[in-house]
Amino acid sequence: MTRHGPLAVLAAATVISVGGTRLSTIAIPWLVLTTTGNPVLTGLVGLAEMLPYVVAKALSGPLIDRRGAKRMSILSDLLSMFAVAIVPVLFWSGLLSIWLLLPAVALIGILRAPSDAAKQALVPAVAESGSLPMERVTGILGASERLAGTLGAAGAGALIAFIGPAPALIVNAGAFGVSALVLWAGLPKPARVTPDLAPYGAQLAEGWSFLLQDKVLVSLVIMVAITNLLDQAYAVVLLPVWVRSAGFDAGFLGLLFALFSGASIAGAAVAAAIGQRLPRLTVYTVAFLLTGLPRFAVFAFELPTLVILATITISGLASGFLNPIISAIMFERIPSRITGRVVALIGSLTWILLPFGGLYAGILVEGAGLALAWALSGALYFLVTLAPIAVPSFRDMRRRLPLSTV
């Protein structure tokens, strides 16, 4: 295998699994919204999946370090394949109610979490095996995630429009199975390492201790957690409700997601190519400012559709720079011995508010109306994106550290 081989395999598995997940994040809320017409219930379903996801991700880190990131990713993808298939089976059998859907999506969240964390934990090994710069690896994988979002969103819109949300979920289930197969067949067998015999609780505590002592990582976690809450509100409730109220269908919803993700691919590709030469803090700050407020403001002010499409494109392009920068900083600072547990904790904490994004937006839309919900959410996003300017710990992002192997 060439030195780029492992990176290509991981990128392919990421595109397949994340693309499938993106499909379900559109299909399930659309299924609830079109069958109930209730934005609060739509947000509640998002909460039911993401809250267990966050908890499971936080707890999966020691297992990834013990069992290996490749093995955990494959196992989780296979189990996720069966979990996702439960929803359409219940729908077709006439048994699907909100009270059965909630535990079903919770199971999906629990099983998907270790897979996502394990794929991310594979990044340092992939970079080392090919002697590749970390920002190039994270940029390519960031572009892969955005490509997955584009394909998943476009595919979701088309599939839901033509065959309905329940059949579309079968495609999602199949994607998890293919992802597991790609990793199993494509990644080389990992080198045997000396097992860490510390108790599970001690391993988890070690990850927490390391994370809490690193001020840069703590600052990043807090900022991204809040913006993720608002992004989830945007994706799960605000945008679907706007699309439906404006008279568009699921195909147009998929187009909006695909436009954002497609532009993000370009941004991540640029980050992969020249990221090492860019000023990290400046790019991070400007990219977040362009990603957040404009995307909410165009809907709050009810601007023309062409302006909305242009703004979403610009915001998507800027967002492509964010994950490569964040991931490179993270892997530079985390010792390889505890990569799994710290990466899982960071992933969990940055998503800790995300389960409440849909519920927050649903309640806000019901109580204050859609226009005010857009305006308030955009204003909050803007305030949060000023943090790199106001908080001193962000300034240490400027330094590039050697990849940690301690």
Protein backbone atom coordinates (compact mmCIF):
# COMPACT_ATOMS: atom_id res chain seq x y z
CA MET A 1 0.00 0.00 0.00
CA THR A 2 1.29 3.50 -0.85
CA ARG A 3 1.89 6.02 1.88
CA HIS A 4 -1.40 7.70 0.98
CA GLY A 5 -3.30 4.41 1.03
CA PRO A 6 -4.44 4.42 4.68
CA LEU A 7 -5.55 8.05 4.35
CA ALA A 8 -7.57 7.20 1.23
CA VAL A 9 -9.24 4.26 3.02
CA LEU A 10 -10.12 6.34 6.08
CA ALA A 11 -11.41 9.15 3.86
CA ALA A 12 -13.60 6.69 1.92
CA ALA A 13 -15.02 5.15 5.10
CA THR A 14 -15.69 8.64 6.44
CA VAL A 15 -17.55 9.68 3.28
CA ILE A 16 -19.71 6.54 3.37
CA SER A 17 -20.60 6.51 7.07
CA VAL A 18 -20.97 10.28 7.54
CA GLY A 19 -22.93 10.54 4.29
CA GLY A 20 -25.34 7.91 5.56
CA THR A 21 -25.65 9.65 8.89
CA ARG A 22 -26.36 12.94 7.14
CA LEU A 23 -29.17 11.22 5.28
CA SER A 24 -30.80 10.08 8.53
CA THR A 25 -30.47 13.51 10.15
CA ILE A 26 -32.70 14.83 7.37
CA ALA A 27 -34.97 11.82 6.90
CA ILE A 28 -35.96 11.25 10.53
CA PRO A 29 -36.85 14.88 11.41
CA TRP A 30 -38.70 15.21 8.07
CA LEU A 31 -40.63 12.02 8.84
CA VAL A 32 -41.69 13.45 12.21
CA LEU A 33 -42.44 16.94 10.87
CA THR A 34 -44.57 15.71 7.97
CA THR A 35 -46.51 13.17 10.05
CA THR A 36 -47.10 15.36 13.13
CA GLY A 37 -46.58 18.96 11.94
CA ASN A 38 -45.10 19.68 15.37
CA PRO A 39 -41.66 21.39 15.54
CA VAL A 40 -41.32 20.60 19.27
CA LEU A 41 -41.70 16.86 18.62
CA THR A 42 -39.23 17.20 15.77
CA GLY A 43 -36.71 18.75 18.16
CA LEU A 44 -37.46 16.08 20.78
CA VAL A 45 -36.50 13.31 18.37
CA GLY A 46 -33.18 15.06 17.75
CA LEU A 47 -32.64 15.22 21.51
CA ALA A 48 -33.45 11.52 21.88
CA GLU A 49 -30.66 10.58 19.46
CA MET A 50 -27.99 13.09 20.36
CA LEU A 51 -28.10 12.96 24.18
CA PRO A 52 -27.28 9.21 24.29
CA TYR A 53 -24.73 9.84 21.52
CA VAL A 54 -22.89 12.39 23.66
CA VAL A 55 -22.83 10.13 26.73
CA ALA A 56 -21.76 7.05 24.77
CA LYS A 57 -19.00 8.97 23.04
CA ALA A 58 -17.56 10.21 26.32
CA LEU A 59 -17.52 6.68 27.75
CA SER A 60 -16.11 4.97 24.65
CA GLY A 61 -12.60 6.45 24.81
CA PRO A 62 -10.93 3.85 27.04
CA LEU A 63 -12.48 1.05 24.95
CA ILE A 64 -10.96 2.57 21.81
CA ASP A 65 -7.53 2.75 23.44
CA ARG A 66 -7.89 -0.83 24.76
CA ARG A 67 -9.41 -2.59 21.74
CA GLY A 68 -8.01 -0.45 18.96
CA ALA A 69 -9.64 2.29 16.90
CA LYS A 70 -10.01 0.15 13.75
CA ARG A 71 -11.77 -2.70 15.56
CA MET A 72 -14.13 -0.40 17.45
CA SER A 73 -15.08 1.52 14.31
CA ILE A 74 -15.91 -1.65 12.37
CA LEU A 75 -17.95 -3.15 15.21
CA SER A 76 -19.89 0.07 15.82
CA ASP A 77 -20.66 0.50 12.11
CA LEU A 78 -22.03 -3.04 11.86
CA LEU A 79 -24.26 -2.58 14.91
CA SER A 80 -25.41 0.82 13.63
CA MET A 81 -26.49 -0.80 10.37
CA PHE A 82 -29.05 -2.94 12.22
CA ALA A 83 -30.12 -0.13 14.56
CA VAL A 84 -30.97 2.28 11.71
CA ALA A 85 -32.99 -0.41 9.94
CA ILE A 86 -35.33 -0.64 12.96
CA VAL A 87 -37.04 2.68 12.15
CA PRO A 88 -38.30 1.81 8.64
CA VAL A 89 -39.26 -1.70 9.79
CA LEU A 90 -41.44 -0.20 12.54
CA PHE A 91 -42.90 2.28 10.05
CA TRP A 92 -43.80 -0.35 7.47
CA SER A 93 -45.30 -2.64 10.11
CA GLY A 94 -47.59 0.17 11.30
CA LEU A 95 -46.06 0.13 14.77
CA LEU A 96 -44.10 3.37 14.62
CA SER A 97 -45.23 5.92 17.20
CA ILE A 98 -43.29 8.72 18.84
CA TRP A 99 -42.80 6.53 21.91
CA LEU A 100 -41.17 3.77 19.87
CA LEU A 101 -39.24 6.18 17.67
CA LEU A 102 -37.56 7.85 20.65
CA PRO A 103 -35.81 4.69 21.99
CA ALA A 104 -35.02 3.60 18.42
CA VAL A 105 -33.14 6.81 17.62
CA ALA A 106 -31.49 6.69 21.07
CA LEU A 107 -30.04 3.29 20.15
CA ILE A 108 -28.77 4.74 16.88
CA GLY A 109 -27.00 7.50 18.81
CA ILE A 110 -25.42 5.09 21.30
CA LEU A 111 -23.99 2.86 18.57
CA ARG A 112 -22.88 5.63 16.24
CA ALA A 113 -20.82 7.45 18.88
CA PRO A 114 -17.94 4.93 19.25
CA SER A 115 -17.67 4.68 15.47
CA ASP A 116 -17.24 8.43 15.02
CA ALA A 117 -14.72 8.67 17.88
CA ALA A 118 -12.74 5.67 16.66
CA LYS A 119 -12.43 7.03 13.11
CA GLN A 120 -11.11 10.30 14.50
CA ALA A 121 -8.68 8.42 16.76
CA LEU A 122 -7.21 6.75 13.65
CA VAL A 123 -5.97 10.09 12.31
CA PRO A 124 -2.54 10.28 14.06
CA ALA A 125 -1.66 6.71 13.00
CA VAL A 126 -2.69 7.44 9.41
CA ALA A 127 -0.59 10.61 9.36
CA GLU A 128 2.41 8.83 10.85
CA SER A 129 2.16 5.83 8.50
CA GLY A 130 2.40 8.09 5.47
CA SER A 131 4.75 10.68 7.00
CA LEU A 132 2.15 13.29 6.10
CA PRO A 133 1.72 16.76 7.66
CA MET A 134 -1.10 16.73 10.19
CA GLU A 135 -2.89 19.71 8.65
CA ARG A 136 -2.89 18.01 5.26
CA VAL A 137 -4.42 14.87 6.75
CA THR A 138 -7.03 16.76 8.75
CA GLY A 139 -7.76 18.96 5.73
CA ILE A 140 -8.36 15.97 3.47
CA LEU A 141 -10.52 14.26 6.08
CA GLY A 142 -12.35 17.54 6.65
CA ALA A 143 -13.04 17.71 2.92
CA SER A 144 -14.19 14.09 3.08
CA GLU A 145 -16.64 14.91 5.85
CA ARG A 146 -17.96 17.86 3.88
CA LEU A 147 -18.24 15.71 0.76
CA ALA A 148 -20.19 13.21 2.82
CA GLY A 149 -22.46 15.99 3.97
CA THR A 150 -23.00 17.11 0.39
CA LEU A 151 -23.75 13.64 -0.95
CA GLY A 152 -25.83 12.72 2.09
CA ALA A 153 -27.87 15.91 1.97
CA ALA A 154 -28.44 15.80 -1.77
CA GLY A 155 -29.17 12.09 -1.63
CA ALA A 156 -31.54 12.56 1.30
CA GLY A 157 -33.50 15.25 -0.49
CA ALA A 158 -33.79 13.18 -3.65
CA LEU A 159 -34.57 9.90 -1.91
CA ILE A 160 -37.16 11.42 0.43
CA ALA A 161 -38.84 13.17 -2.48
CA PHE A 162 -39.00 10.03 -4.64
CA ILE A 163 -39.37 7.11 -2.22
CA GLY A 164 -40.14 8.67 1.18
CA PRO A 165 -38.14 9.02 4.41
CA ALA A 166 -38.58 5.44 5.65
CA PRO A 167 -37.08 3.73 2.56
CA ALA A 168 -34.31 6.33 2.52
CA LEU A 169 -33.22 5.10 5.93
CA ILE A 170 -32.48 1.66 4.46
CA VAL A 171 -29.81 3.37 2.35
CA ASN A 172 -28.39 4.83 5.56
CA ALA A 173 -28.25 1.36 7.12
CA GLY A 174 -26.44 -0.01 4.08
CA ALA A 175 -23.89 2.82 4.23
CA PHE A 176 -22.79 1.74 7.71
CA GLY A 177 -22.24 -1.82 6.47
CA VAL A 178 -20.15 -0.64 3.52
CA SER A 179 -18.08 1.62 5.79
CA ALA A 180 -17.24 -1.34 8.05
CA LEU A 181 -16.23 -3.42 5.02
CA VAL A 182 -13.98 -0.67 3.64
CA LEU A 183 -12.11 -0.30 6.94
CA TRP A 184 -11.79 -4.06 7.43
CA ALA A 185 -10.43 -4.66 3.94
CA GLY A 186 -8.45 -1.46 3.40
CA LEU A 187 -6.60 -0.57 6.59
CA PRO A 188 -3.56 -2.63 7.53
CA LYS A 189 -3.61 -4.60 10.73
CA PRO A 190 -2.50 -2.23 13.51
CA ALA A 191 0.79 -2.88 15.26
CA ARG A 192 0.49 -4.67 18.56
CA VAL A 193 0.96 -2.34 21.51
CA THR A 194 1.47 -3.00 25.18
CA PRO A 195 -2.01 -2.97 26.74
CA ASP A 196 -2.82 -0.39 29.38
CA LEU A 197 -3.82 -2.48 32.39
CA ALA A 198 -5.19 0.43 34.41
CA PRO A 199 -8.85 0.12 35.44
CA TYR A 200 -11.43 1.59 33.08
CA GLY A 201 -12.32 4.36 35.54
CA ALA A 202 -8.68 5.34 35.96
CA GLN A 203 -8.22 5.53 32.18
CA LEU A 204 -11.28 7.72 31.85
CA ALA A 205 -10.07 9.97 34.67
CA GLU A 206 -6.66 10.31 33.00
CA GLY A 207 -8.31 11.59 29.86
CA TRP A 208 -10.37 14.12 31.82
CA SER A 209 -7.29 15.28 33.77
CA PHE A 210 -5.25 15.88 30.62
CA LEU A 211 -8.06 17.75 28.89
CA LEU A 212 -8.87 20.05 31.80
CA GLN A 213 -5.23 21.09 32.15
CA ASP A 214 -4.96 22.25 28.53
CA LYS A 215 -6.46 25.76 28.32
CA VAL A 216 -6.43 25.88 24.53
CA LEU A 217 -8.42 22.66 24.21
CA VAL A 218 -10.85 23.76 26.94
CA SER A 219 -11.47 27.07 25.15
CA LEU A 220 -12.06 25.30 21.85
CA VAL A 221 -14.45 22.81 23.46
CA ILE A 222 -16.61 25.51 25.06
CA MET A 223 -16.82 27.62 21.91
CA VAL A 224 -17.57 24.72 19.58
CA ALA A 225 -20.15 23.28 21.99
CA ILE A 226 -22.21 26.48 21.86
CA THR A 227 -21.94 26.86 18.08
CA ASN A 228 -22.91 23.21 17.66
CA LEU A 229 -26.08 23.87 19.66
CA LEU A 230 -26.99 26.66 17.25
CA ASP A 231 -26.01 24.65 14.18
CA GLN A 232 -28.26 21.82 15.34
CA ALA A 233 -31.11 24.27 15.89
CA TYR A 234 -30.52 25.50 12.34
CA ALA A 235 -30.40 22.05 10.76
CA VAL A 236 -33.08 20.16 12.67
CA VAL A 237 -35.81 22.78 13.16
CA LEU A 238 -35.19 26.30 11.86
CA LEU A 239 -34.29 25.43 8.29
CA PRO A 240 -36.87 22.61 7.81
CA VAL A 241 -39.64 24.81 9.24
CA TRP A 242 -38.61 27.70 6.97
CA VAL A 243 -38.48 25.43 3.91
CA ARG A 244 -41.94 24.04 4.64
CA SER A 245 -43.46 27.47 5.45
CA ALA A 246 -41.97 28.94 2.27
CA GLY A 247 -43.69 26.27 0.18
CA PHE A 248 -40.61 24.26 -0.77
CA ASP A 249 -40.18 20.48 -0.40
CA ALA A 250 -37.55 18.11 1.02
CA GLY A 251 -35.61 18.33 -2.24
CA PHE A 252 -34.97 22.04 -1.69
CA LEU A 253 -33.98 21.35 1.93
CA GLY A 254 -31.44 18.84 0.69
CA LEU A 255 -30.19 21.39 -1.85
CA LEU A 256 -29.51 23.96 0.88
CA PHE A 257 -27.57 21.45 2.96
CA ALA A 258 -25.69 20.23 -0.10
CA LEU A 259 -24.79 23.78 -1.16
CA PHE A 260 -23.29 24.51 2.26
CA SER A 261 -21.42 21.20 2.37
CA GLY A 262 -20.23 21.50 -1.20
CA ALA A 263 -18.71 24.91 -0.53
CA SER A 264 -17.15 23.48 2.63
CA ILE A 265 -15.34 20.89 0.55
CA ALA A 266 -13.58 23.68 -1.33
CA GLY A 267 -12.65 25.39 1.93
CA ALA A 268 -11.30 22.19 3.46
CA ALA A 269 -9.34 21.44 0.27
CA VAL A 270 -7.66 24.84 0.46
CA ALA A 271 -6.90 24.20 4.14
CA ALA A 272 -5.33 20.85 3.24
CA ALA A 273 -3.18 22.43 0.54
CA ILE A 274 -1.91 25.56 2.30
CA GLY A 275 -3.08 25.20 5.90
CA GLN A 276 0.45 24.96 7.28
CA ARG A 277 1.24 28.43 5.93
CA LEU A 278 -1.90 30.19 7.17
CA PRO A 279 -2.11 32.17 10.46
CA ARG A 280 -4.23 29.83 12.54
CA LEU A 281 -5.92 32.21 14.93
CA THR A 282 -6.81 34.76 12.24
CA VAL A 283 -8.23 32.16 9.86
CA TYR A 284 -10.13 30.43 12.69
CA THR A 285 -11.71 33.70 13.85
CA VAL A 286 -12.66 35.03 10.42
CA ALA A 287 -13.99 31.64 9.30
CA PHE A 288 -16.27 31.37 12.32
CA LEU A 289 -17.57 34.93 11.85
CA LEU A 290 -18.49 34.14 8.24
CA THR A 291 -19.94 30.73 9.07
CA GLY A 292 -22.36 31.88 11.76
CA LEU A 293 -24.25 35.18 11.79
CA PRO A 294 -24.74 35.73 8.01
CA ARG A 295 -26.38 32.32 7.64
CA PHE A 296 -29.03 33.21 10.22
CA ALA A 297 -29.43 36.88 9.28
CA VAL A 298 -30.57 36.23 5.70
CA PHE A 299 -33.55 34.25 6.99
CA ALA A 300 -34.30 36.67 9.82
CA PHE A 301 -34.53 39.57 7.34
CA GLU A 302 -36.40 37.46 4.76
CA LEU A 303 -33.93 38.29 2.00
CA PRO A 304 -34.45 36.99 -1.58
CA THR A 305 -33.74 33.35 -2.31
CA LEU A 306 -30.69 34.14 -4.46
CA VAL A 307 -29.13 36.12 -1.59
CA ILE A 308 -29.82 33.21 0.75
CA LEU A 309 -28.14 30.78 -1.64
CA ALA A 310 -25.10 33.04 -2.05
CA THR A 311 -24.75 33.55 1.70
CA ILE A 312 -24.99 29.83 2.43
CA THR A 313 -22.25 29.24 -0.15
CA ILE A 314 -19.91 31.80 1.44
CA SER A 315 -20.62 30.45 4.94
CA GLY A 316 -19.97 26.91 3.76
CA LEU A 317 -16.66 27.91 2.17
CA ALA A 318 -15.53 29.53 5.43
CA SER A 319 -16.63 26.56 7.54
CA GLY A 320 -14.34 24.26 5.58
CA PHE A 321 -11.31 25.84 7.27
CA LEU A 322 -12.50 25.15 10.82
CA ASN A 323 -12.27 21.39 11.38
CA PRO A 324 -8.78 21.01 9.86
CA ILE A 325 -7.45 23.71 12.19
CA ILE A 326 -9.23 22.32 15.27
CA SER A 327 -8.17 18.74 14.53
CA ALA A 328 -4.54 19.65 13.89
CA ILE A 329 -4.34 21.56 17.18
CA MET A 330 -5.98 18.67 19.01
CA PHE A 331 -3.69 15.91 17.70
CA GLU A 332 -0.57 18.01 18.24
CA ARG A 333 -1.41 18.35 21.91
CA ILE A 334 -2.72 14.87 22.82
CA PRO A 335 -0.20 12.09 23.64
CA SER A 336 -0.72 9.09 21.34
CA ARG A 337 -1.11 6.73 24.30
CA ILE A 338 -4.37 8.40 25.35
CA THR A 339 -5.62 9.57 21.96
CA GLY A 340 -8.81 7.51 22.05
CA ARG A 341 -10.05 8.65 25.43
CA VAL A 342 -9.21 12.35 24.98
CA VAL A 343 -10.56 12.52 21.42
CA ALA A 344 -13.76 10.83 22.60
CA LEU A 345 -14.12 13.28 25.47
CA ILE A 346 -13.55 16.29 23.22
CA GLY A 347 -16.04 14.93 20.71
CA SER A 348 -18.58 14.35 23.45
CA LEU A 349 -18.13 17.73 25.13
CA THR A 350 -18.29 19.69 21.89
CA TRP A 351 -21.60 17.93 21.21
CA ILE A 352 -22.92 18.11 24.78
CA LEU A 353 -25.36 20.95 24.00
CA LEU A 354 -26.19 19.67 20.52
CA PRO A 355 -28.99 17.33 21.71
CA PHE A 356 -30.86 20.38 22.97
CA GLY A 357 -30.48 22.39 19.75
CA GLY A 358 -33.62 21.06 18.12
CA LEU A 359 -35.66 21.33 21.30
CA TYR A 360 -34.40 24.88 21.92
CA ALA A 361 -35.34 25.89 18.39
CA GLY A 362 -38.70 24.14 18.51
CA ILE A 363 -39.71 25.92 21.72
CA LEU A 364 -38.40 29.25 20.40
CA VAL A 365 -40.31 28.93 17.12
CA GLU A 366 -43.51 27.96 18.94
CA GLY A 367 -43.22 30.78 21.47
CA ALA A 368 -41.67 33.66 19.53
CA GLY A 369 -42.17 32.87 15.87
CA LEU A 370 -39.71 31.82 13.18
CA ALA A 371 -38.33 35.28 12.33
CA LEU A 372 -37.41 36.10 15.93
CA ALA A 373 -35.94 32.62 16.40
CA TRP A 374 -33.62 33.28 13.45
CA ALA A 375 -32.61 36.70 14.81
CA LEU A 376 -31.93 35.58 18.39
CA SER A 377 -29.97 32.53 17.31
CA GLY A 378 -27.87 34.57 14.88
CA ALA A 379 -27.09 37.20 17.53
CA LEU A 380 -25.97 34.51 19.98
CA TYR A 381 -23.80 32.89 17.31
CA PHE A 382 -22.12 36.24 16.64
CA LEU A 383 -21.32 36.81 20.32
CA VAL A 384 -19.77 33.37 20.65
CA THR A 385 -17.59 33.84 17.58
CA LEU A 386 -16.01 36.89 19.20
CA ALA A 387 -14.41 34.63 21.83
CA PRO A 388 -11.05 34.20 20.03
CA ILE A 389 -10.65 37.97 20.14
CA ALA A 390 -11.68 38.37 23.78
CA VAL A 391 -10.33 35.22 25.51
CA PRO A 392 -6.50 35.17 26.01
CA SER A 393 -6.11 31.37 25.95
CA PHE A 394 -7.02 31.27 22.25
CA ARG A 395 -3.77 33.10 21.43
CA ASP A 396 -1.77 29.94 22.08
CA MET A 397 -3.39 28.46 18.96
CA ARG A 398 -0.77 30.32 16.96
CA ARG A 399 2.00 27.93 18.01
CA ARG A 400 2.50 24.75 15.96
CA LEU A 401 3.66 21.89 18.15
CA PRO A 402 5.30 18.62 17.06
CA LEU A 403 2.92 15.65 16.94
CA SER A 404 2.74 14.31 20.49
CA THR A 405 3.90 10.72 21.00
CA VAL A 406 4.37 10.70 24.77
